[in-house]
Amino acid sequence: MRTISKIIILLIGITVMNTSNINAQEKGKMLRHVVLIKFKDSSSPADVEKIEKAFAGLSKSIPLINSFEWGLNNSPENLNQGLTHCFLASFSSEKDRDAYLIHPKHKDFVALAGPHFDKVTVVDYWVK
């Protein structure tokens, strides 16, 4: 019986240590959420501008976003595959990013912008 109790305590300790290590890895780092967009040819410049402003506005209405920036492709390499816009949002944790993805304001943005997207690529990564 004591052996089983010791094993259970050991397993709990290992679990706590692993969780602490994961949190320590994330602490002080930023999770980047990169969205690359190619708009449909049928989207007007006014449509695109409205979407740019709406995406930028998310950082003001969703406090989980630590920072936000965006810009237009400026690479001379011609490897962008038609993707013209890059939006980058930073989060403190995967939990914050996941909450952002289901946030009503984000869902409203997707409903507004989605019909104008010809191609979208999303990459999330931890800053090294």
C-alpha atoms as a PDB file:
ATOM      1  CA  MET A   1       0.000   0.000   0.000  1.00  0.00           C
ATOM      2  CA  ARG A   2       2.838   2.400   0.812  1.00  0.00           C
ATOM      3  CA  THR A   3       4.440   1.587  -2.528  1.00  0.00           C
ATOM      4  CA  ILE A   4       1.274   2.555  -4.408  1.00  0.00           C
ATOM      5  CA  SER A   5       1.025   5.795  -2.423  1.00  0.00           C
ATOM      6  CA  LYS A   6       4.652   6.605  -3.232  1.00  0.00           C
ATOM      7  CA  ILE A   7       4.088   5.919  -6.928  1.00  0.00           C
ATOM      8  CA  ILE A   8       1.016   8.172  -6.992  1.00  0.00           C
ATOM      9  CA  ILE A   9       2.902  10.978  -5.234  1.00  0.00           C
ATOM     10  CA  LEU A  10       5.815  10.525  -7.658  1.00  0.00           C
ATOM     11  CA  LEU A  11       3.509  10.718 -10.685  1.00  0.00           C
ATOM     12  CA  ILE A  12       1.827  13.850  -9.342  1.00  0.00           C
ATOM     13  CA  GLY A  13       5.244  15.430  -8.771  1.00  0.00           C
ATOM     14  CA  ILE A  14       6.389  14.607 -12.313  1.00  0.00           C
ATOM     15  CA  THR A  15       3.189  16.069 -13.749  1.00  0.00           C
ATOM     16  CA  VAL A  16       3.618  19.296 -11.773  1.00  0.00           C
ATOM     17  CA  MET A  17       7.274  19.570 -12.841  1.00  0.00           C
ATOM     18  CA  ASN A  18       6.386  19.071 -16.520  1.00  0.00           C
ATOM     19  CA  THR A  19       3.670  21.720 -16.306  1.00  0.00           C
ATOM     20  CA  SER A  20       6.121  24.108 -14.634  1.00  0.00           C
ATOM     21  CA  ASN A  21       8.688  23.495 -17.376  1.00  0.00           C
ATOM     22  CA  ILE A  22       6.130  24.232 -20.089  1.00  0.00           C
ATOM     23  CA  ASN A  23       5.106  27.461 -18.336  1.00  0.00           C
ATOM     24  CA  ALA A  24       8.762  28.418 -17.855  1.00  0.00           C
ATOM     25  CA  GLN A  25       9.389  27.917 -21.581  1.00  0.00           C
ATOM     26  CA  GLU A  26       6.479  30.204 -22.443  1.00  0.00           C
ATOM     27  CA  LYS A  27       7.210  32.811 -19.775  1.00  0.00           C
ATOM     28  CA  GLY A  28       8.726  35.918 -21.273  1.00  0.00           C
ATOM     29  CA  LYS A  29       8.234  34.679 -24.820  1.00  0.00           C
ATOM     30  CA  MET A  30       5.711  35.791 -27.349  1.00  0.00           C
ATOM     31  CA  LEU A  31       3.469  33.661 -29.523  1.00  0.00           C
ATOM     32  CA  ARG A  32       3.201  35.175 -32.986  1.00  0.00           C
ATOM     33  CA  HIS A  33       0.079  34.675 -35.101  1.00  0.00           C
ATOM     34  CA  VAL A  34       0.879  35.484 -38.732  1.00  0.00           C
ATOM     35  CA  VAL A  35      -1.893  35.802 -41.319  1.00  0.00           C
ATOM     36  CA  LEU A  36      -0.982  36.167 -45.009  1.00  0.00           C
ATOM     37  CA  ILE A  37      -3.793  37.150 -47.364  1.00  0.00           C
ATOM     38  CA  LYS A  38      -4.467  37.335 -51.075  1.00  0.00           C
ATOM     39  CA  PHE A  39      -7.665  39.234 -51.776  1.00  0.00           C
ATOM     40  CA  LYS A  40     -10.081  38.286 -54.531  1.00  0.00           C
ATOM     41  CA  ASP A  41      -9.785  40.334 -57.708  1.00  0.00           C
ATOM     42  CA  SER A  42     -13.442  41.271 -57.225  1.00  0.00           C
ATOM     43  CA  SER A  43     -12.673  43.012 -53.905  1.00  0.00           C
ATOM     44  CA  SER A  44     -12.499  46.768 -54.378  1.00  0.00           C
ATOM     45  CA  PRO A  45      -9.773  48.943 -52.850  1.00  0.00           C
ATOM     46  CA  ALA A  46     -12.468  50.249 -50.472  1.00  0.00           C
ATOM     47  CA  ASP A  47     -13.303  46.671 -49.413  1.00  0.00           C
ATOM     48  CA  VAL A  48      -9.632  45.928 -48.761  1.00  0.00           C
ATOM     49  CA  GLU A  49      -9.160  49.147 -46.778  1.00  0.00           C
ATOM     50  CA  LYS A  50     -12.221  48.361 -44.653  1.00  0.00           C
ATOM     51  CA  ILE A  51     -10.769  44.917 -43.861  1.00  0.00           C
ATOM     52  CA  GLU A  52      -7.327  46.359 -43.055  1.00  0.00           C
ATOM     53  CA  LYS A  53      -8.910  48.765 -40.576  1.00  0.00           C
ATOM     54  CA  ALA A  54     -11.141  46.068 -39.087  1.00  0.00           C
ATOM     55  CA  PHE A  55      -8.200  43.709 -38.543  1.00  0.00           C
ATOM     56  CA  ALA A  56      -6.126  46.480 -36.952  1.00  0.00           C
ATOM     57  CA  GLY A  57      -9.118  47.383 -34.770  1.00  0.00           C
ATOM     58  CA  LEU A  58      -9.151  43.932 -33.184  1.00  0.00           C
ATOM     59  CA  SER A  59      -6.091  44.839 -31.133  1.00  0.00           C
ATOM     60  CA  LYS A  60      -8.024  47.708 -29.559  1.00  0.00           C
ATOM     61  CA  SER A  61     -11.107  45.637 -28.740  1.00  0.00           C
ATOM     62  CA  ILE A  62      -9.486  42.323 -27.717  1.00  0.00           C
ATOM     63  CA  PRO A  63      -7.052  42.879 -24.818  1.00  0.00           C
ATOM     64  CA  LEU A  64      -5.526  39.401 -25.255  1.00  0.00           C
ATOM     65  CA  ILE A  65      -3.570  40.790 -28.219  1.00  0.00           C
ATOM     66  CA  ASN A  66      -0.263  42.124 -26.861  1.00  0.00           C
ATOM     67  CA  SER A  67       0.803  43.793 -30.083  1.00  0.00           C
ATOM     68  CA  PHE A  68      -0.337  44.041 -33.669  1.00  0.00           C
ATOM     69  CA  GLU A  69       1.189  45.184 -36.927  1.00  0.00           C
ATOM     70  CA  TRP A  70       0.568  44.719 -40.586  1.00  0.00           C
ATOM     71  CA  GLY A  71       2.011  45.615 -43.948  1.00  0.00           C
ATOM     72  CA  LEU A  72       2.029  44.956 -47.668  1.00  0.00           C
ATOM     73  CA  ASN A  73       4.359  42.567 -49.442  1.00  0.00           C
ATOM     74  CA  ASN A  74       7.502  44.362 -50.554  1.00  0.00           C
ATOM     75  CA  SER A  75       9.724  41.424 -51.494  1.00  0.00           C
ATOM     76  CA  PRO A  76      11.593  41.636 -54.824  1.00  0.00           C
ATOM     77  CA  GLU A  77      11.869  37.818 -54.927  1.00  0.00           C
ATOM     78  CA  ASN A  78       8.381  37.283 -56.388  1.00  0.00           C
ATOM     79  CA  LEU A  79       7.809  34.241 -54.144  1.00  0.00           C
ATOM     80  CA  ASN A  80       4.699  35.544 -52.369  1.00  0.00           C
ATOM     81  CA  GLN A  81       2.300  33.421 -54.475  1.00  0.00           C
ATOM     82  CA  GLY A  82      -0.077  36.353 -54.780  1.00  0.00           C
ATOM     83  CA  LEU A  83      -0.241  36.988 -51.024  1.00  0.00           C
ATOM     84  CA  THR A  84      -0.208  40.756 -50.617  1.00  0.00           C
ATOM     85  CA  HIS A  85      -1.001  41.453 -46.959  1.00  0.00           C
ATOM     86  CA  CYS A  86       0.729  40.281 -43.783  1.00  0.00           C
ATOM     87  CA  PHE A  87      -0.928  40.722 -40.393  1.00  0.00           C
ATOM     88  CA  LEU A  88       0.934  39.818 -37.200  1.00  0.00           C
ATOM     89  CA  ALA A  89      -0.615  39.567 -33.737  1.00  0.00           C
ATOM     90  CA  SER A  90       1.338  38.635 -30.606  1.00  0.00           C
ATOM     91  CA  PHE A  91       0.019  36.705 -27.621  1.00  0.00           C
ATOM     92  CA  SER A  92       1.460  35.724 -24.237  1.00  0.00           C
ATOM     93  CA  SER A  93       0.183  32.157 -24.397  1.00  0.00           C
ATOM     94  CA  GLU A  94      -1.536  29.580 -26.547  1.00  0.00           C
ATOM     95  CA  LYS A  95      -4.518  29.941 -24.217  1.00  0.00           C
ATOM     96  CA  ASP A  96      -4.767  33.661 -25.096  1.00  0.00           C
ATOM     97  CA  ARG A  97      -4.434  32.899 -28.819  1.00  0.00           C
ATOM     98  CA  ASP A  98      -7.095  30.200 -28.601  1.00  0.00           C
ATOM     99  CA  ALA A  99      -9.455  32.561 -26.743  1.00  0.00           C
ATOM    100  CA  TYR A 100      -8.821  35.201 -29.424  1.00  0.00           C
ATOM    101  CA  LEU A 101      -9.770  32.765 -32.193  1.00  0.00           C
ATOM    102  CA  ILE A 102     -13.219  32.171 -30.677  1.00  0.00           C
ATOM    103  CA  HIS A 103     -13.739  35.759 -29.474  1.00  0.00           C
ATOM    104  CA  PRO A 104     -16.971  37.273 -30.875  1.00  0.00           C
ATOM    105  CA  LYS A 105     -15.078  40.287 -32.301  1.00  0.00           C
ATOM    106  CA  HIS A 106     -12.710  37.951 -34.184  1.00  0.00           C
ATOM    107  CA  LYS A 107     -15.655  35.925 -35.474  1.00  0.00           C
ATOM    108  CA  ASP A 108     -17.307  39.152 -36.673  1.00  0.00           C
ATOM    109  CA  PHE A 109     -14.089  40.072 -38.472  1.00  0.00           C
ATOM    110  CA  VAL A 110     -13.906  36.664 -40.181  1.00  0.00           C
ATOM    111  CA  ALA A 111     -17.530  37.027 -41.315  1.00  0.00           C
ATOM    112  CA  LEU A 112     -16.755  40.475 -42.752  1.00  0.00           C
ATOM    113  CA  ALA A 113     -13.425  39.631 -44.378  1.00  0.00           C
ATOM    114  CA  GLY A 114     -13.731  35.958 -45.319  1.00  0.00           C
ATOM    115  CA  PRO A 115     -15.778  36.493 -48.481  1.00  0.00           C
ATOM    116  CA  HIS A 116     -12.972  38.722 -49.829  1.00  0.00           C
ATOM    117  CA  PHE A 117     -10.155  36.210 -49.314  1.00  0.00           C
ATOM    118  CA  ASP A 118      -8.852  34.328 -52.317  1.00  0.00           C
ATOM    119  CA  LYS A 119      -6.061  32.683 -50.317  1.00  0.00           C
ATOM    120  CA  VAL A 120      -5.111  32.724 -46.632  1.00  0.00           C
ATOM    121  CA  THR A 121      -2.071  31.233 -44.916  1.00  0.00           C
ATOM    122  CA  VAL A 122      -1.759  31.221 -41.129  1.00  0.00           C
ATOM    123  CA  VAL A 123       1.424  30.401 -39.224  1.00  0.00           C
ATOM    124  CA  ASP A 124       1.785  30.554 -35.441  1.00  0.00           C
ATOM    125  CA  TYR A 125       5.163  30.262 -33.742  1.00  0.00           C
ATOM    126  CA  TRP A 126       6.930  30.893 -30.447  1.00  0.00           C
ATOM    127  CA  VAL A 127       9.617  33.556 -30.740  1.00  0.00           C
ATOM    128  CA  LYS A 128      13.033  31.994 -30.116  1.00  0.00           C
END
